Every structure is written in structure tokens, then in C-alpha cells.
Amino acid sequence: MRKTPDNLVAYEHVLRANALTRGRPNNPAVIAEAKVHYERALADDPRYARALLGLARVHMLVWGAERTPSYQQQSVLDRALALAQRAVDLDGASAEAHAMLGWILFFQSRMTESVAGFERAFALNPNFVDGRYGLLLSHVGRAPEAIEYMKRAMRFDPFHPPSHTYWLGKAHYFSGNYEEAIGLIRSGAERQPGALAPRVLLAAVAARLGRHDEARATAAEVMATLPRFTIVDWVKFINLDDREYAERLMGDLRKAGLPG
């Protein structure tokens, strides 16, 4: 992938936007600022694949941010897919482009193609590590593999974003290692103020361990963040493809007092 475009102004915009989007920010103002930078980079260089990937990432962030009008809007997800596919078309040798495409395909419920996208990225660059693959493994019934993968991802990046801690906790939860899971998930939630996903899982694992006060308090935070939350809608939204894992999560969320 072309790291530096002919237009250095475009390169600077991408660097600024990348810094803003590191670690899955859930602040709408930060996401909007990053979007402006990626769009300015593309205005200067429409074939700059890194800017296309960044803009695809921004679309994924607003699609998953509860406080934005674009939350769970299919058109936003489709736009992200088109941007990532364009980046792959421009630079088919880019591991990052194939990984982003795989990530978006995951949320399009195209699981086989999603896994294939990440595997293509790893084939192109055996040293490439992407924590999102660990989350994908957890959602397709391969949680023990996800544990090992997330540990590797965190070793490669000592300053990894808090989402990695949460994703490792999720892998432990689905592997049945609940005591290991709860500390990691709690840490991930504390380091991502206002983020919904780690709090949903924290409510579940606390209920599973019989820590009912923590489960109920966390469930109340979930409902305050997303008053229309239901367990069925949530499991559908996160694309939990493994039936056994989905049933476990739904049962624990019911124990936490969240609505079905």
C-alpha cells in the first residue's frame, strides 16, 4: 500500500485522522473530526488507499456508536464496505486493506468471507497482527484460539487499545474461564468510558459468577446508555454466530435483569 502519496498534505491529514481513531473512540466529535481529515485527504488524492481505509473505519465507528444518528444504519455499513473494497481494488497487496474488508464483512454476516479476508491479510504479511481477528474468532465458536491470538496481539503492541483487553476477556468468557474474564472485561469497560459493549458483557459475566449487585448496577448503566436495549437485538447486532455462545450470553444477560 502506498504509505506516502504524492500530495504530502493528504498524508498529513491521514496521520492526524489515524491518531484520532486509534482505540475505537466513541466520542462523536472526535469521530467527526477524523472523518473531515480523511475526506480532505481523498479530495487531494482520490486514489490514496489509506485514506479510503480510514474513511471506511470512520463509517464503522459511527455505525456502532450509540450516540450518533447513524447507529446500526445499513446504508452506513454498506458505504464502509464499498470504501474498503475500493481500497483492496487499488492495492490488493495490502494486508491492512484485506483485514478491513474482512472486518466489515463480519458485520454484514458474511462470516466465511470475513475469515477469508483476514486469512488473506496474514498470507500477504505473516507478521501482520490485528486484534479484530481475535474478536471474530470468539464470535464464530473459536474462543480458545481467540485467547491465544489476543495474547499475541497484545504482546506485539504493549500500548494496545483498551478494546484488546475487553476482547481477551470476551474470549475467556466464551471459553468458560469466568474468573479470568471478569477482571479483563471490567478493565476494558473502565478504560472505555461510555462504551456499551464491554458493559453488556460485564453484566453477563457478573451474573454468571453470582455477583448480582455488580450485574444489576452494570445492567442499569446499559439501559441508561441505550434505553431501547433488548437482548435479542443485541445478539443480532454483534453477529454472535455460534449458537452455544449466543445462548450462554442471552441466559446470563437475563440473569443480570436486562430485557429480552
Protein backbone atom coordinates (compact mmCIF):
# COMPACT_ATOMS: atom_id res chain seq x y z
CA MET A 1 0.00 0.00 0.00
CA ARG A 2 1.25 3.46 -0.86
CA LYS A 3 2.29 4.85 2.54
CA THR A 4 3.03 8.36 1.33
CA PRO A 5 1.03 9.89 -1.55
CA ASP A 6 2.46 12.38 -3.97
CA ASN A 7 0.46 15.02 -2.12
CA LEU A 8 2.02 15.34 1.34
CA VAL A 9 -0.95 17.35 2.58
CA ALA A 10 -3.13 14.27 2.09
CA TYR A 11 -0.59 12.21 4.02
CA GLU A 12 -0.69 14.66 6.94
CA HIS A 13 -4.49 14.52 7.06
CA VAL A 14 -4.40 10.73 7.24
CA LEU A 15 -1.82 10.79 10.04
CA ARG A 16 -4.00 13.16 12.07
CA ALA A 17 -7.12 11.11 11.49
CA ASN A 18 -5.37 7.85 12.35
CA ALA A 19 -4.30 9.32 15.68
CA LEU A 20 -7.87 10.39 16.41
CA THR A 21 -9.38 6.97 15.63
CA ARG A 22 -6.90 4.79 17.49
CA GLY A 23 -8.59 2.57 20.05
CA ARG A 24 -12.19 2.77 18.80
CA PRO A 25 -13.19 6.22 20.15
CA ASN A 26 -16.89 6.59 20.95
CA ASN A 27 -16.87 10.39 21.11
CA PRO A 28 -18.95 11.66 18.14
CA ALA A 29 -16.98 14.89 17.92
CA VAL A 30 -13.66 13.02 17.66
CA ILE A 31 -15.06 10.68 15.02
CA ALA A 32 -16.44 13.62 13.04
CA GLU A 33 -13.07 15.39 13.13
CA ALA A 34 -11.33 12.27 11.83
CA LYS A 35 -13.88 11.99 9.03
CA VAL A 36 -13.10 15.52 7.89
CA HIS A 37 -9.37 14.73 7.70
CA TYR A 38 -9.89 11.54 5.68
CA GLU A 39 -12.24 13.33 3.28
CA ARG A 40 -9.72 16.15 2.78
CA ALA A 41 -7.02 13.58 2.05
CA LEU A 42 -9.23 11.96 -0.59
CA ALA A 43 -10.11 15.32 -2.09
CA ASP A 44 -6.38 15.85 -2.65
CA ASP A 45 -5.68 12.25 -3.76
CA PRO A 46 -8.77 10.13 -4.66
CA ARG A 47 -6.63 7.00 -5.14
CA TYR A 48 -4.99 7.13 -1.71
CA ALA A 49 -5.91 3.70 -0.30
CA ARG A 50 -5.00 4.50 3.30
CA ALA A 51 -7.46 7.40 3.28
CA LEU A 52 -10.15 5.12 1.86
CA LEU A 53 -9.49 2.60 4.64
CA GLY A 54 -9.60 5.32 7.24
CA LEU A 55 -12.92 6.60 5.96
CA ALA A 56 -14.27 3.04 5.98
CA ARG A 57 -13.19 2.78 9.62
CA VAL A 58 -14.96 6.05 10.45
CA HIS A 59 -18.16 4.69 8.93
CA MET A 60 -17.82 1.60 11.11
CA LEU A 61 -17.29 3.76 14.18
CA VAL A 62 -20.42 5.86 13.62
CA TRP A 63 -22.40 2.73 12.71
CA GLY A 64 -21.50 1.26 16.11
CA ALA A 65 -21.76 4.45 18.19
CA GLU A 66 -24.98 4.63 20.18
CA ARG A 67 -24.92 8.44 20.32
CA THR A 68 -24.90 9.04 16.56
CA PRO A 69 -27.87 9.12 14.14
CA SER A 70 -26.04 6.52 12.03
CA TYR A 71 -26.18 3.85 14.75
CA GLN A 72 -26.90 0.47 13.11
CA GLN A 73 -27.92 2.07 9.81
CA GLN A 74 -27.44 -0.44 6.97
CA SER A 75 -26.60 2.29 4.46
CA VAL A 76 -23.62 3.33 6.61
CA LEU A 77 -22.38 -0.26 6.79
CA ASP A 78 -22.78 -0.63 3.03
CA ARG A 79 -20.79 2.56 2.44
CA ALA A 80 -17.99 1.25 4.65
CA LEU A 81 -17.93 -1.96 2.62
CA ALA A 82 -17.71 -0.04 -0.66
CA LEU A 83 -14.82 2.08 0.63
CA ALA A 84 -12.87 -0.95 1.85
CA GLN A 85 -13.47 -2.81 -1.41
CA ARG A 86 -12.19 0.22 -3.32
CA ALA A 87 -9.02 0.19 -1.20
CA VAL A 88 -8.49 -3.51 -1.96
CA ASP A 89 -9.03 -2.84 -5.67
CA LEU A 90 -6.41 -0.10 -5.58
CA ASP A 91 -3.89 -2.06 -3.54
CA GLY A 92 -4.54 -5.80 -3.49
CA ALA A 93 -1.18 -6.45 -1.83
CA SER A 94 -2.17 -4.55 1.33
CA ALA A 95 -2.75 -6.72 4.38
CA GLU A 96 -4.49 -3.80 6.11
CA ALA A 97 -6.98 -3.43 3.25
CA HIS A 98 -7.94 -7.11 3.28
CA ALA A 99 -8.29 -7.08 7.07
CA MET A 100 -10.58 -4.05 6.96
CA LEU A 101 -12.68 -5.71 4.28
CA GLY A 102 -12.88 -8.85 6.42
CA TRP A 103 -13.92 -6.80 9.45
CA ILE A 104 -16.78 -5.12 7.60
CA LEU A 105 -17.92 -8.41 6.05
CA PHE A 106 -18.19 -9.77 9.60
CA PHE A 107 -20.82 -7.16 10.42
CA GLN A 108 -22.54 -7.94 7.14
CA SER A 109 -23.00 -11.53 8.48
CA ARG A 110 -20.76 -12.88 5.72
CA MET A 111 -18.70 -14.95 8.12
CA THR A 112 -16.87 -17.24 5.70
CA GLU A 113 -15.79 -14.27 3.58
CA SER A 114 -14.82 -12.35 6.71
CA VAL A 115 -12.47 -15.08 7.93
CA ALA A 116 -11.08 -15.39 4.40
CA GLY A 117 -10.34 -11.65 4.33
CA PHE A 118 -8.22 -11.86 7.46
CA GLU A 119 -6.51 -15.04 6.27
CA ARG A 120 -5.62 -13.28 3.03
CA ALA A 121 -4.11 -10.45 5.07
CA PHE A 122 -1.97 -12.89 7.07
CA ALA A 123 -0.87 -14.66 3.88
CA LEU A 124 0.25 -11.34 2.41
CA ASN A 125 2.11 -10.36 5.57
CA PRO A 126 2.88 -13.18 8.04
CA ASN A 127 3.94 -10.57 10.61
CA PHE A 128 0.64 -8.70 10.41
CA VAL A 129 -1.35 -8.76 13.66
CA ASP A 130 -4.90 -7.41 14.04
CA GLY A 131 -6.80 -7.71 17.31
CA ARG A 132 -10.12 -7.64 15.47
CA TYR A 133 -9.41 -11.17 14.27
CA GLY A 134 -9.48 -12.28 17.89
CA LEU A 135 -12.98 -10.88 18.28
CA LEU A 136 -14.05 -12.61 15.09
CA LEU A 137 -12.72 -15.95 16.36
CA SER A 138 -14.76 -15.55 19.56
CA HIS A 139 -17.93 -14.93 17.57
CA VAL A 140 -17.58 -17.94 15.27
CA GLY A 141 -17.13 -20.51 18.05
CA ARG A 142 -13.32 -20.49 18.29
CA ALA A 143 -12.83 -18.76 21.64
CA PRO A 144 -9.81 -20.85 22.81
CA GLU A 145 -7.99 -19.80 19.62
CA ALA A 146 -9.07 -16.23 20.27
CA ILE A 147 -7.36 -16.26 23.67
CA GLU A 148 -4.02 -17.20 22.16
CA TYR A 149 -4.42 -14.77 19.29
CA MET A 150 -5.30 -11.83 21.57
CA LYS A 151 -2.34 -12.58 23.82
CA ARG A 152 -0.12 -12.45 20.75
CA ALA A 153 -1.69 -9.20 19.57
CA MET A 154 -1.15 -7.61 22.97
CA ARG A 155 2.48 -8.77 23.11
CA PHE A 156 3.13 -7.20 19.72
CA ASP A 157 1.62 -3.90 20.86
CA PRO A 158 2.45 -3.11 24.51
CA PHE A 159 0.41 0.08 24.17
CA HIS A 160 -2.61 -1.74 22.75
CA PRO A 161 -6.01 -0.03 22.93
CA PRO A 162 -8.41 -0.98 25.76
CA SER A 163 -10.61 -2.87 23.31
CA HIS A 164 -7.93 -5.58 23.22
CA THR A 165 -8.26 -6.15 26.97
CA TYR A 166 -12.02 -6.46 26.61
CA TRP A 167 -11.73 -8.81 23.61
CA LEU A 168 -9.36 -11.07 25.56
CA GLY A 169 -11.90 -11.08 28.39
CA LYS A 170 -14.64 -12.00 25.93
CA ALA A 171 -12.57 -14.93 24.65
CA HIS A 172 -12.14 -16.17 28.23
CA TYR A 173 -15.88 -15.77 28.87
CA PHE A 174 -16.84 -17.90 25.89
CA SER A 175 -14.13 -20.41 26.83
CA GLY A 176 -15.73 -20.77 30.27
CA ASN A 177 -12.89 -19.06 32.16
CA TYR A 178 -15.18 -16.68 34.03
CA GLU A 179 -12.82 -15.57 36.81
CA GLU A 180 -10.17 -14.66 34.24
CA ALA A 181 -12.81 -12.97 32.11
CA ILE A 182 -14.37 -10.62 34.63
CA GLY A 183 -11.22 -8.69 35.55
CA LEU A 184 -10.28 -8.17 31.92
CA ILE A 185 -13.79 -7.13 30.91
CA ARG A 186 -14.11 -4.78 33.87
CA SER A 187 -10.76 -3.18 32.99
CA GLY A 188 -11.85 -2.81 29.37
CA ALA A 189 -15.07 -1.13 30.47
CA GLU A 190 -13.30 1.26 32.87
CA ARG A 191 -10.83 2.29 30.17
CA GLN A 192 -13.62 2.97 27.64
CA PRO A 193 -15.98 5.39 29.41
CA GLY A 194 -19.46 5.25 27.92
CA ALA A 195 -18.74 2.26 25.67
CA LEU A 196 -21.70 -0.10 25.65
CA ALA A 197 -20.28 -3.46 24.55
CA PRO A 198 -17.90 -4.11 27.47
CA ARG A 199 -20.62 -3.16 29.93
CA VAL A 200 -23.09 -5.58 28.38
CA LEU A 201 -20.61 -8.41 28.73
CA LEU A 202 -19.61 -7.31 32.23
CA ALA A 203 -23.26 -7.58 33.30
CA ALA A 204 -23.37 -11.10 31.83
CA VAL A 205 -20.22 -12.45 33.43
CA ALA A 206 -21.03 -10.86 36.81
CA ALA A 207 -24.42 -12.58 36.72
CA ARG A 208 -22.77 -15.87 35.73
CA LEU A 209 -20.48 -15.62 38.78
CA GLY A 210 -23.33 -14.73 41.12
CA ARG A 211 -22.15 -11.17 41.66
CA HIS A 212 -25.68 -9.88 41.44
CA ASP A 213 -25.13 -6.36 42.74
CA GLU A 214 -22.48 -5.69 40.11
CA ALA A 215 -24.59 -7.34 37.43
CA ARG A 216 -27.65 -5.23 38.23
CA ALA A 217 -25.66 -2.00 38.52
CA THR A 218 -23.97 -2.64 35.18
CA ALA A 219 -27.28 -3.54 33.56
CA ALA A 220 -28.63 -0.18 34.75
CA GLU A 221 -25.69 1.55 33.02
CA VAL A 222 -26.52 -0.33 29.82
CA MET A 223 -30.14 0.79 29.93
CA ALA A 224 -29.14 4.38 30.68
CA THR A 225 -26.87 4.36 27.62
CA LEU A 226 -29.35 2.63 25.30
CA PRO A 227 -32.90 2.70 26.71
CA ARG A 228 -34.25 0.61 23.82
CA PHE A 229 -31.75 -2.20 24.51
CA THR A 230 -33.04 -5.78 24.20
CA ILE A 231 -31.04 -8.98 24.46
CA VAL A 232 -32.29 -10.36 21.15
CA ASP A 233 -31.44 -7.17 19.26
CA TRP A 234 -28.01 -7.03 20.87
CA VAL A 235 -27.03 -10.59 19.96
CA LYS A 236 -28.16 -9.91 16.40
CA PHE A 237 -26.23 -6.61 16.27
CA ILE A 238 -22.92 -8.11 17.42
CA ASN A 239 -23.22 -11.05 14.98
CA LEU A 240 -22.64 -13.81 17.50
CA ASP A 241 -22.63 -16.65 15.02
CA ASP A 242 -22.07 -19.58 17.39
CA ARG A 243 -25.39 -20.83 18.80
CA GLU A 244 -23.94 -22.22 22.03
CA TYR A 245 -22.14 -18.97 22.77
CA ALA A 246 -25.26 -16.94 21.91
CA GLU A 247 -27.47 -18.97 24.23
CA ARG A 248 -24.98 -18.63 27.08
CA LEU A 249 -24.78 -14.87 26.67
CA MET A 250 -28.55 -14.43 26.42
CA GLY A 251 -29.11 -16.54 29.54
CA ASP A 252 -26.58 -14.57 31.56
CA LEU A 253 -27.98 -11.23 30.40
CA ARG A 254 -31.43 -12.33 31.54
CA LYS A 255 -29.94 -13.19 34.94
CA ALA A 256 -28.50 -9.66 35.04
CA GLY A 257 -32.02 -8.28 34.63
CA LEU A 258 -31.78 -6.96 31.10
CA PRO A 259 -34.93 -7.13 28.94
CA GLY A 260 -35.34 -9.88 26.36
